[in-house]
PDB file of all heavy atoms in Angstrom:
ATOM      1  N   ARG A   1     -62.316  77.498 -26.409  1.00  0.00           N
ATOM      2  CA  ARG A   1     -61.146  76.821 -25.815  1.00  0.00           C
ATOM      3  C   ARG A   1     -61.174  76.804 -24.294  1.00  0.00           C
ATOM      4  O   ARG A   1     -60.139  76.660 -23.644  1.00  0.00           O
ATOM      5  CB  ARG A   1     -59.828  77.433 -26.305  1.00  0.00           C
ATOM      6  CG  ARG A   1     -59.514  77.161 -27.755  1.00  0.00           C
ATOM      7  CD  ARG A   1     -59.216  75.701 -27.969  1.00  0.00           C
ATOM      8  NE  ARG A   1     -58.726  75.477 -29.314  1.00  0.00           N
ATOM      9  CZ  ARG A   1     -57.838  74.583 -29.653  1.00  0.00           C
ATOM     10  NH1 ARG A   1     -57.326  73.798 -28.738  1.00  0.00           N
ATOM     11  NH2 ARG A   1     -57.464  74.426 -30.886  1.00  0.00           N
ATOM     12  N   GLN A   2     -62.363  76.932 -23.707  1.00  0.00           N
ATOM     13  CA  GLN A   2     -62.475  76.848 -22.259  1.00  0.00           C
ATOM     14  C   GLN A   2     -62.390  75.412 -21.766  1.00  0.00           C
ATOM     15  O   GLN A   2     -62.124  75.173 -20.597  1.00  0.00           O
ATOM     16  CB  GLN A   2     -63.780  77.493 -21.792  1.00  0.00           C
ATOM     17  CG  GLN A   2     -63.770  78.996 -21.932  1.00  0.00           C
ATOM     18  CD  GLN A   2     -62.635  79.638 -21.148  1.00  0.00           C
ATOM     19  OE1 GLN A   2     -62.499  79.456 -19.945  1.00  0.00           O
ATOM     20  NE2 GLN A   2     -61.788  80.385 -21.831  1.00  0.00           N
ATOM     21  N   HIS A   3     -62.647  74.451 -22.658  1.00  0.00           N
ATOM     22  CA  HIS A   3     -62.536  73.029 -22.312  1.00  0.00           C
ATOM     23  C   HIS A   3     -61.829  72.296 -23.441  1.00  0.00           C
ATOM     24  O   HIS A   3     -62.195  72.447 -24.610  1.00  0.00           O
ATOM     25  CB  HIS A   3     -63.912  72.397 -22.086  1.00  0.00           C
ATOM     26  CG  HIS A   3     -64.626  72.951 -20.911  1.00  0.00           C
ATOM     27  ND1 HIS A   3     -64.268  72.650 -19.613  1.00  0.00           N
ATOM     28  CD2 HIS A   3     -65.670  73.795 -20.810  1.00  0.00           C
ATOM     29  CE1 HIS A   3     -65.061  73.293 -18.778  1.00  0.00           C
ATOM     30  NE2 HIS A   3     -65.920  73.997 -19.480  1.00  0.00           N
ATOM     31  N   ASN A   4     -60.827  71.514 -23.079  1.00  0.00           N
ATOM     32  CA  ASN A   4     -60.066  70.684 -24.016  1.00  0.00           C
ATOM     33  C   ASN A   4     -60.111  69.258 -23.479  1.00  0.00           C
ATOM     34  O   ASN A   4     -59.617  68.992 -22.386  1.00  0.00           O
ATOM     35  CB  ASN A   4     -58.609  71.150 -24.103  1.00  0.00           C
ATOM     36  CG  ASN A   4     -58.510  72.607 -24.523  1.00  0.00           C
ATOM     37  OD1 ASN A   4     -58.906  72.970 -25.611  1.00  0.00           O
ATOM     38  ND2 ASN A   4     -57.999  73.444 -23.636  1.00  0.00           N
ATOM     39  N   ILE A   5     -60.723  68.366 -24.252  1.00  0.00           N
ATOM     40  CA  ILE A   5     -60.853  66.976 -23.843  1.00  0.00           C
ATOM     41  C   ILE A   5     -59.887  66.146 -24.674  1.00  0.00           C
ATOM     42  O   ILE A   5     -60.009  66.091 -25.898  1.00  0.00           O
ATOM     43  CB  ILE A   5     -62.303  66.466 -24.028  1.00  0.00           C
ATOM     44  CG1 ILE A   5     -63.305  67.411 -23.337  1.00  0.00           C
ATOM     45  CG2 ILE A   5     -62.422  65.031 -23.541  1.00  0.00           C
ATOM     46  CD1 ILE A   5     -63.114  67.552 -21.839  1.00  0.00           C
ATOM     47  N   TRP A   6     -58.948  65.506 -24.013  1.00  0.00           N
ATOM     48  CA  TRP A   6     -57.887  64.744 -24.651  1.00  0.00           C
ATOM     49  C   TRP A   6     -58.109  63.251 -24.432  1.00  0.00           C
ATOM     50  O   TRP A   6     -58.643  62.853 -23.405  1.00  0.00           O
ATOM     51  CB  TRP A   6     -56.544  65.101 -24.026  1.00  0.00           C
ATOM     52  CG  TRP A   6     -56.160  66.539 -24.084  1.00  0.00           C
ATOM     53  CD1 TRP A   6     -56.572  67.526 -23.232  1.00  0.00           C
ATOM     54  CD2 TRP A   6     -55.286  67.155 -25.018  1.00  0.00           C
ATOM     55  NE1 TRP A   6     -55.997  68.715 -23.582  1.00  0.00           N
ATOM     56  CE2 TRP A   6     -55.200  68.518 -24.677  1.00  0.00           C
ATOM     57  CE3 TRP A   6     -54.555  66.685 -26.103  1.00  0.00           C
ATOM     58  CZ2 TRP A   6     -54.418  69.421 -25.391  1.00  0.00           C
ATOM     59  CZ3 TRP A   6     -53.776  67.580 -26.812  1.00  0.00           C
ATOM     60  CH2 TRP A   6     -53.709  68.925 -26.454  1.00  0.00           C
ATOM     61  N   SER A   7     -57.635  62.422 -25.373  1.00  0.00           N
ATOM     62  CA  SER A   7     -57.683  60.973 -25.173  1.00  0.00           C
ATOM     63  C   SER A   7     -56.739  60.291 -26.160  1.00  0.00           C
ATOM     64  O   SER A   7     -56.503  60.801 -27.257  1.00  0.00           O
ATOM     65  CB  SER A   7     -59.106  60.446 -25.388  1.00  0.00           C
ATOM     66  OG  SER A   7     -59.151  59.065 -25.109  1.00  0.00           O
ATOM     67  N   TYR A   8     -56.236  59.134 -25.739  1.00  0.00           N
ATOM     68  CA  TYR A   8     -55.500  58.281 -26.675  1.00  0.00           C
ATOM     69  C   TYR A   8     -56.466  57.367 -27.422  1.00  0.00           C
ATOM     70  O   TYR A   8     -56.039  56.520 -28.195  1.00  0.00           O
ATOM     71  CB  TYR A   8     -54.440  57.455 -25.938  1.00  0.00           C
ATOM     72  CG  TYR A   8     -53.253  58.278 -25.484  1.00  0.00           C
ATOM     73  CD1 TYR A   8     -53.007  58.504 -24.143  1.00  0.00           C
ATOM     74  CD2 TYR A   8     -52.388  58.835 -26.413  1.00  0.00           C
ATOM     75  CE1 TYR A   8     -51.929  59.258 -23.727  1.00  0.00           C
ATOM     76  CE2 TYR A   8     -51.306  59.606 -26.018  1.00  0.00           C
ATOM     77  CZ  TYR A   8     -51.072  59.812 -24.666  1.00  0.00           C
ATOM     78  OH  TYR A   8     -50.004  60.562 -24.264  1.00  0.00           O
ATOM     79  N   GLN A   9     -57.760  57.545 -27.189  1.00  0.00           N
ATOM     80  CA  GLN A   9     -58.793  56.772 -27.875  1.00  0.00           C
ATOM     81  C   GLN A   9     -59.266  57.541 -29.109  1.00  0.00           C
ATOM     82  O   GLN A   9     -59.510  58.746 -29.028  1.00  0.00           O
ATOM     83  CB  GLN A   9     -59.994  56.548 -26.944  1.00  0.00           C
ATOM     84  CG  GLN A   9     -59.671  55.822 -25.678  1.00  0.00           C
ATOM     85  CD  GLN A   9     -59.218  54.405 -25.954  1.00  0.00           C
ATOM     86  OE1 GLN A   9     -59.868  53.673 -26.682  1.00  0.00           O
ATOM     87  NE2 GLN A   9     -58.091  54.031 -25.380  1.00  0.00           N
ATOM     88  N   PRO A  10     -59.432  56.857 -30.242  1.00  0.00           N
ATOM     89  CA  PRO A  10     -59.985  57.539 -31.413  1.00  0.00           C
ATOM     90  C   PRO A  10     -61.491  57.733 -31.276  1.00  0.00           C
ATOM     91  O   PRO A  10     -62.143  57.071 -30.459  1.00  0.00           O
ATOM     92  CB  PRO A  10     -59.661  56.576 -32.565  1.00  0.00           C
ATOM     93  CG  PRO A  10     -59.573  55.237 -31.918  1.00  0.00           C
ATOM     94  CD  PRO A  10     -59.055  55.476 -30.526  1.00  0.00           C
ATOM     95  N   VAL A  11     -62.029  58.629 -32.072  1.00  0.00           N
ATOM     96  CA  VAL A  11     -63.471  58.847 -32.138  1.00  0.00           C
ATOM     97  C   VAL A  11     -64.059  57.793 -33.075  1.00  0.00           C
ATOM     98  O   VAL A  11     -63.534  57.572 -34.171  1.00  0.00           O
ATOM     99  CB  VAL A  11     -63.785  60.264 -32.665  1.00  0.00           C
ATOM    100  CG1 VAL A  11     -65.274  60.455 -32.907  1.00  0.00           C
ATOM    101  CG2 VAL A  11     -63.254  61.319 -31.696  1.00  0.00           C
ATOM    102  N   GLU A  12     -65.137  57.146 -32.631  1.00  0.00           N
ATOM    103  CA  GLU A  12     -65.768  56.136 -33.481  1.00  0.00           C
ATOM    104  C   GLU A  12     -66.189  56.770 -34.808  1.00  0.00           C
ATOM    105  O   GLU A  12     -66.784  57.843 -34.832  1.00  0.00           O
ATOM    106  CB  GLU A  12     -66.983  55.531 -32.777  1.00  0.00           C
ATOM    107  CG  GLU A  12     -66.603  54.545 -31.708  1.00  0.00           C
ATOM    108  CD  GLU A  12     -67.791  53.761 -31.181  1.00  0.00           C
ATOM    109  OE1 GLU A  12     -68.933  53.965 -31.629  1.00  0.00           O
ATOM    110  OE2 GLU A  12     -67.559  52.921 -30.298  1.00  0.00           O
ATOM    111  N   GLY A  13     -65.841  56.114 -35.897  1.00  0.00           N
ATOM    112  CA  GLY A  13     -66.213  56.579 -37.222  1.00  0.00           C
ATOM    113  C   GLY A  13     -65.375  57.717 -37.771  1.00  0.00           C
ATOM    114  O   GLY A  13     -65.541  58.100 -38.920  1.00  0.00           O
ATOM    115  N   GLU A  14     -64.475  58.281 -36.953  1.00  0.00           N
ATOM    116  CA  GLU A  14     -63.642  59.401 -37.396  1.00  0.00           C
ATOM    117  C   GLU A  14     -62.154  59.135 -37.235  1.00  0.00           C
ATOM    118  O   GLU A  14     -61.348  59.731 -37.921  1.00  0.00           O
ATOM    119  CB  GLU A  14     -63.990  60.676 -36.622  1.00  0.00           C
ATOM    120  CG  GLU A  14     -65.378  61.211 -36.861  1.00  0.00           C
ATOM    121  CD  GLU A  14     -65.621  62.483 -36.069  1.00  0.00           C
ATOM    122  OE1 GLU A  14     -64.816  63.438 -36.167  1.00  0.00           O
ATOM    123  OE2 GLU A  14     -66.617  62.518 -35.328  1.00  0.00           O
ATOM    124  N   GLY A  15     -61.786  58.302 -36.276  1.00  0.00           N
ATOM    125  CA  GLY A  15     -60.372  58.075 -35.980  1.00  0.00           C
ATOM    126  C   GLY A  15     -59.855  59.139 -35.023  1.00  0.00           C
ATOM    127  O   GLY A  15     -60.610  59.775 -34.297  1.00  0.00           O
ATOM    128  N   PHE A  16     -58.541  59.331 -35.032  1.00  0.00           N
ATOM    129  CA  PHE A  16     -57.935  60.360 -34.185  1.00  0.00           C
ATOM    130  C   PHE A  16     -58.209  61.712 -34.825  1.00  0.00           C
ATOM    131  O   PHE A  16     -57.952  61.902 -36.010  1.00  0.00           O
ATOM    132  CB  PHE A  16     -56.430  60.124 -34.043  1.00  0.00           C
ATOM    133  CG  PHE A  16     -56.097  58.883 -33.262  1.00  0.00           C
ATOM    134  CD1 PHE A  16     -55.564  57.778 -33.897  1.00  0.00           C
ATOM    135  CD2 PHE A  16     -56.332  58.818 -31.903  1.00  0.00           C
ATOM    136  CE1 PHE A  16     -55.261  56.632 -33.185  1.00  0.00           C
ATOM    137  CE2 PHE A  16     -56.037  57.679 -31.176  1.00  0.00           C
ATOM    138  CZ  PHE A  16     -55.495  56.578 -31.821  1.00  0.00           C
ATOM    139  N   VAL A  17     -58.739  62.636 -34.050  1.00  0.00           N
ATOM    140  CA  VAL A  17     -59.103  63.951 -34.575  1.00  0.00           C
ATOM    141  C   VAL A  17     -58.670  65.042 -33.617  1.00  0.00           C
ATOM    142  O   VAL A  17     -58.438  64.803 -32.432  1.00  0.00           O
ATOM    143  CB  VAL A  17     -60.633  64.082 -34.803  1.00  0.00           C
ATOM    144  CG1 VAL A  17     -61.123  63.070 -35.833  1.00  0.00           C
ATOM    145  CG2 VAL A  17     -61.405  63.941 -33.505  1.00  0.00           C
ATOM    146  N   SER A  18     -58.577  66.228 -34.145  1.00  0.00           N
ATOM    147  CA  SER A  18     -58.435  67.450 -33.364  1.00  0.00           C
ATOM    148  C   SER A  18     -59.464  68.390 -33.961  1.00  0.00           C
ATOM    149  O   SER A  18     -59.289  68.885 -35.078  1.00  0.00           O
ATOM    150  CB  SER A  18     -57.024  68.016 -33.488  1.00  0.00           C
ATOM    151  OG  SER A  18     -56.931  69.226 -32.762  1.00  0.00           O
ATOM    152  N   ARG A  19     -60.565  68.599 -33.213  1.00  0.00           N
ATOM    153  CA  ARG A  19     -61.645  69.415 -33.773  1.00  0.00           C
ATOM    154  C   ARG A  19     -62.504  70.023 -32.675  1.00  0.00           C
ATOM    155  O   ARG A  19     -62.526  69.540 -31.545  1.00  0.00           O
ATOM    156  CB  ARG A  19     -62.505  68.587 -34.712  1.00  0.00           C
ATOM    157  CG  ARG A  19     -63.363  67.528 -34.053  1.00  0.00           C
ATOM    158  CD  ARG A  19     -64.421  67.051 -35.042  1.00  0.00           C
ATOM    159  NE  ARG A  19     -65.274  65.996 -34.572  1.00  0.00           N
ATOM    160  CZ  ARG A  19     -66.383  66.183 -33.854  1.00  0.00           C
ATOM    161  NH1 ARG A  19     -66.742  67.381 -33.479  1.00  0.00           N
ATOM    162  NH2 ARG A  19     -67.132  65.151 -33.494  1.00  0.00           N
ATOM    163  N   PRO A  20     -63.218  71.092 -33.039  1.00  0.00           N
ATOM    164  CA  PRO A  20     -64.105  71.697 -32.046  1.00  0.00           C
ATOM    165  C   PRO A  20     -65.357  70.858 -31.822  1.00  0.00           C
ATOM    166  O   PRO A  20     -65.795  70.133 -32.721  1.00  0.00           O
ATOM    167  CB  PRO A  20     -64.463  73.048 -32.675  1.00  0.00           C
ATOM    168  CG  PRO A  20     -64.279  72.864 -34.143  1.00  0.00           C
ATOM    169  CD  PRO A  20     -63.190  71.840 -34.295  1.00  0.00           C
ATOM    170  N   LEU A  21     -65.881  70.969 -30.631  1.00  0.00           N
ATOM    171  CA  LEU A  21     -67.189  70.399 -30.316  1.00  0.00           C
ATOM    172  C   LEU A  21     -68.239  71.420 -30.733  1.00  0.00           C
ATOM    173  O   LEU A  21     -68.076  72.617 -30.509  1.00  0.00           O
ATOM    174  CB  LEU A  21     -67.310  70.132 -28.815  1.00  0.00           C
ATOM    175  CG  LEU A  21     -66.453  69.007 -28.272  1.00  0.00           C
ATOM    176  CD1 LEU A  21     -66.339  69.108 -26.754  1.00  0.00           C
ATOM    177  CD2 LEU A  21     -67.032  67.663 -28.684  1.00  0.00           C
ATOM    178  N   ARG A  22     -69.288  70.952 -31.355  1.00  0.00           N
ATOM    179  CA  ARG A  22     -70.387  71.822 -31.751  1.00  0.00           C
ATOM    180  C   ARG A  22     -71.506  71.711 -30.711  1.00  0.00           C
ATOM    181  O   ARG A  22     -71.640  70.674 -30.062  1.00  0.00           O
ATOM    182  CB  ARG A  22     -70.890  71.421 -33.135  1.00  0.00           C
ATOM    183  CG  ARG A  22     -69.830  71.618 -34.226  1.00  0.00           C
ATOM    184  CD  ARG A  22     -70.284  71.074 -35.569  1.00  0.00           C
ATOM    185  NE  ARG A  22     -70.435  69.630 -35.609  1.00  0.00           N
ATOM    186  CZ  ARG A  22     -69.441  68.752 -35.773  1.00  0.00           C
ATOM    187  NH1 ARG A  22     -68.209  69.177 -35.900  1.00  0.00           N
ATOM    188  NH2 ARG A  22     -69.684  67.460 -35.814  1.00  0.00           N
ATOM    189  N   PRO A  23     -72.317  72.767 -30.569  1.00  0.00           N
ATOM    190  CA  PRO A  23     -73.443  72.660 -29.639  1.00  0.00           C
ATOM    191  C   PRO A  23     -74.283  71.426 -29.959  1.00  0.00           C
ATOM    192  O   PRO A  23     -74.522  71.111 -31.124  1.00  0.00           O
ATOM    193  CB  PRO A  23     -74.230  73.951 -29.877  1.00  0.00           C
ATOM    194  CG  PRO A  23     -73.177  74.920 -30.332  1.00  0.00           C
ATOM    195  CD  PRO A  23     -72.227  74.092 -31.172  1.00  0.00           C
ATOM    196  N   ASP A  24     -74.691  70.730 -28.921  1.00  0.00           N
ATOM    197  CA  ASP A  24     -75.470  69.498 -29.008  1.00  0.00           C
ATOM    198  C   ASP A  24     -74.679  68.328 -29.586  1.00  0.00           C
ATOM    199  O   ASP A  24     -75.263  67.325 -29.991  1.00  0.00           O
ATOM    200  CB  ASP A  24     -76.776  69.705 -29.784  1.00  0.00           C
ATOM    201  CG  ASP A  24     -77.656  70.757 -29.115  1.00  0.00           C
ATOM    202  OD1 ASP A  24     -77.727  70.753 -27.864  1.00  0.00           O
ATOM    203  OD2 ASP A  24     -78.240  71.580 -29.816  1.00  0.00           O
ATOM    204  N   ASP A  25     -73.339  68.441 -29.616  1.00  0.00           N
ATOM    205  CA  ASP A  25     -72.480  67.339 -30.052  1.00  0.00           C
ATOM    206  C   ASP A  25     -72.527  66.207 -29.033  1.00  0.00           C
ATOM    207  O   ASP A  25     -72.595  66.443 -27.820  1.00  0.00           O
ATOM    208  CB  ASP A  25     -71.028  67.813 -30.180  1.00  0.00           C
ATOM    209  CG  ASP A  25     -70.423  67.577 -31.552  1.00  0.00           C
ATOM    210  OD1 ASP A  25     -71.044  66.889 -32.375  1.00  0.00           O
ATOM    211  OD2 ASP A  25     -69.322  68.098 -31.780  1.00  0.00           O
ATOM    212  N   ARG A  26     -72.465  65.004 -29.530  1.00  0.00           N
ATOM    213  CA  ARG A  26     -72.360  63.794 -28.707  1.00  0.00           C
ATOM    214  C   ARG A  26     -71.354  62.901 -29.419  1.00  0.00           C
ATOM    215  O   ARG A  26     -71.669  62.304 -30.437  1.00  0.00           O
ATOM    216  CB  ARG A  26     -73.714  63.111 -28.595  1.00  0.00           C
ATOM    217  CG  ARG A  26     -73.732  61.934 -27.672  1.00  0.00           C
ATOM    218  CD  ARG A  26     -75.155  61.357 -27.584  1.00  0.00           C
ATOM    219  NE  ARG A  26     -75.218  60.219 -26.713  1.00  0.00           N
ATOM    220  CZ  ARG A  26     -74.903  58.974 -27.071  1.00  0.00           C
ATOM    221  NH1 ARG A  26     -74.517  58.714 -28.290  1.00  0.00           N
ATOM    222  NH2 ARG A  26     -74.983  57.993 -26.197  1.00  0.00           N
ATOM    223  N   VAL A  27     -70.138  62.860 -28.907  1.00  0.00           N
ATOM    224  CA  VAL A  27     -69.034  62.154 -29.551  1.00  0.00           C
ATOM    225  C   VAL A  27     -68.726  60.887 -28.748  1.00  0.00           C
ATOM    226  O   VAL A  27     -68.572  60.949 -27.526  1.00  0.00           O
ATOM    227  CB  VAL A  27     -67.784  63.062 -29.618  1.00  0.00           C
ATOM    228  CG1 VAL A  27     -66.617  62.334 -30.249  1.00  0.00           C
ATOM    229  CG2 VAL A  27     -68.102  64.345 -30.389  1.00  0.00           C
ATOM    230  N   VAL A  28     -68.624  59.761 -29.440  1.00  0.00           N
ATOM    231  CA  VAL A  28     -68.330  58.490 -28.784  1.00  0.00           C
ATOM    232  C   VAL A  28     -66.896  58.086 -29.107  1.00  0.00           C
ATOM    233  O   VAL A  28     -66.513  58.001 -30.281  1.00  0.00           O
ATOM    234  CB  VAL A  28     -69.316  57.388 -29.234  1.00  0.00           C
ATOM    235  CG1 VAL A  28     -68.994  56.077 -28.531  1.00  0.00           C
ATOM    236  CG2 VAL A  28     -70.751  57.808 -28.973  1.00  0.00           C
ATOM    237  N   LEU A  29     -66.108  57.865 -28.061  1.00  0.00           N
ATOM    238  CA  LEU A  29     -64.739  57.384 -28.244  1.00  0.00           C
ATOM    239  C   LEU A  29     -64.758  55.870 -28.403  1.00  0.00           C
ATOM    240  O   LEU A  29     -65.730  55.197 -28.033  1.00  0.00           O
ATOM    241  CB  LEU A  29     -63.877  57.786 -27.050  1.00  0.00           C
ATOM    242  CG  LEU A  29     -63.752  59.292 -26.797  1.00  0.00           C
ATOM    243  CD1 LEU A  29     -62.912  59.550 -25.549  1.00  0.00           C
ATOM    244  CD2 LEU A  29     -63.166  60.015 -27.994  1.00  0.00           C
ATOM    245  N   LYS A  30     -63.668  55.319 -28.925  1.00  0.00           N
ATOM    246  CA  LYS A  30     -63.589  53.878 -29.175  1.00  0.00           C
ATOM    247  C   LYS A  30     -63.870  53.050 -27.920  1.00  0.00           C
ATOM    248  O   LYS A  30     -64.464  51.981 -27.999  1.00  0.00           O
ATOM    249  CB  LYS A  30     -62.219  53.524 -29.745  1.00  0.00           C
ATOM    250  CG  LYS A  30     -62.065  52.060 -30.083  1.00  0.00           C
ATOM    251  CD  LYS A  30     -60.703  51.747 -30.638  1.00  0.00           C
ATOM    252  CE  LYS A  30     -60.581  50.262 -30.885  1.00  0.00           C
ATOM    253  NZ  LYS A  30     -59.221  49.901 -31.271  1.00  0.00           N
ATOM    254  N   ASN A  31     -63.473  53.557 -26.754  1.00  0.00           N
ATOM    255  CA  ASN A  31     -63.684  52.818 -25.505  1.00  0.00           C
ATOM    256  C   ASN A  31     -65.118  52.937 -24.990  1.00  0.00           C
ATOM    257  O   ASN A  31     -65.446  52.409 -23.945  1.00  0.00           O
ATOM    258  CB  ASN A  31     -62.696  53.280 -24.434  1.00  0.00           C
ATOM    259  CG  ASN A  31     -62.889  54.730 -24.025  1.00  0.00           C
ATOM    260  OD1 ASN A  31     -63.721  55.453 -24.552  1.00  0.00           O
ATOM    261  ND2 ASN A  31     -62.080  55.166 -23.074  1.00  0.00           N
TER     262      ASN A  31
END
C-alpha cells in the first residue's frame, strides 16, 4: 500500500477494479 493509483478510467478487459498490482504487472486503462 505504498502506492495507490486511482482513475475514473476502467481497466481494459476488466472494467472498474480495486486490486493489487503484481510484480511485473502492466495494466492498460481505457484511455
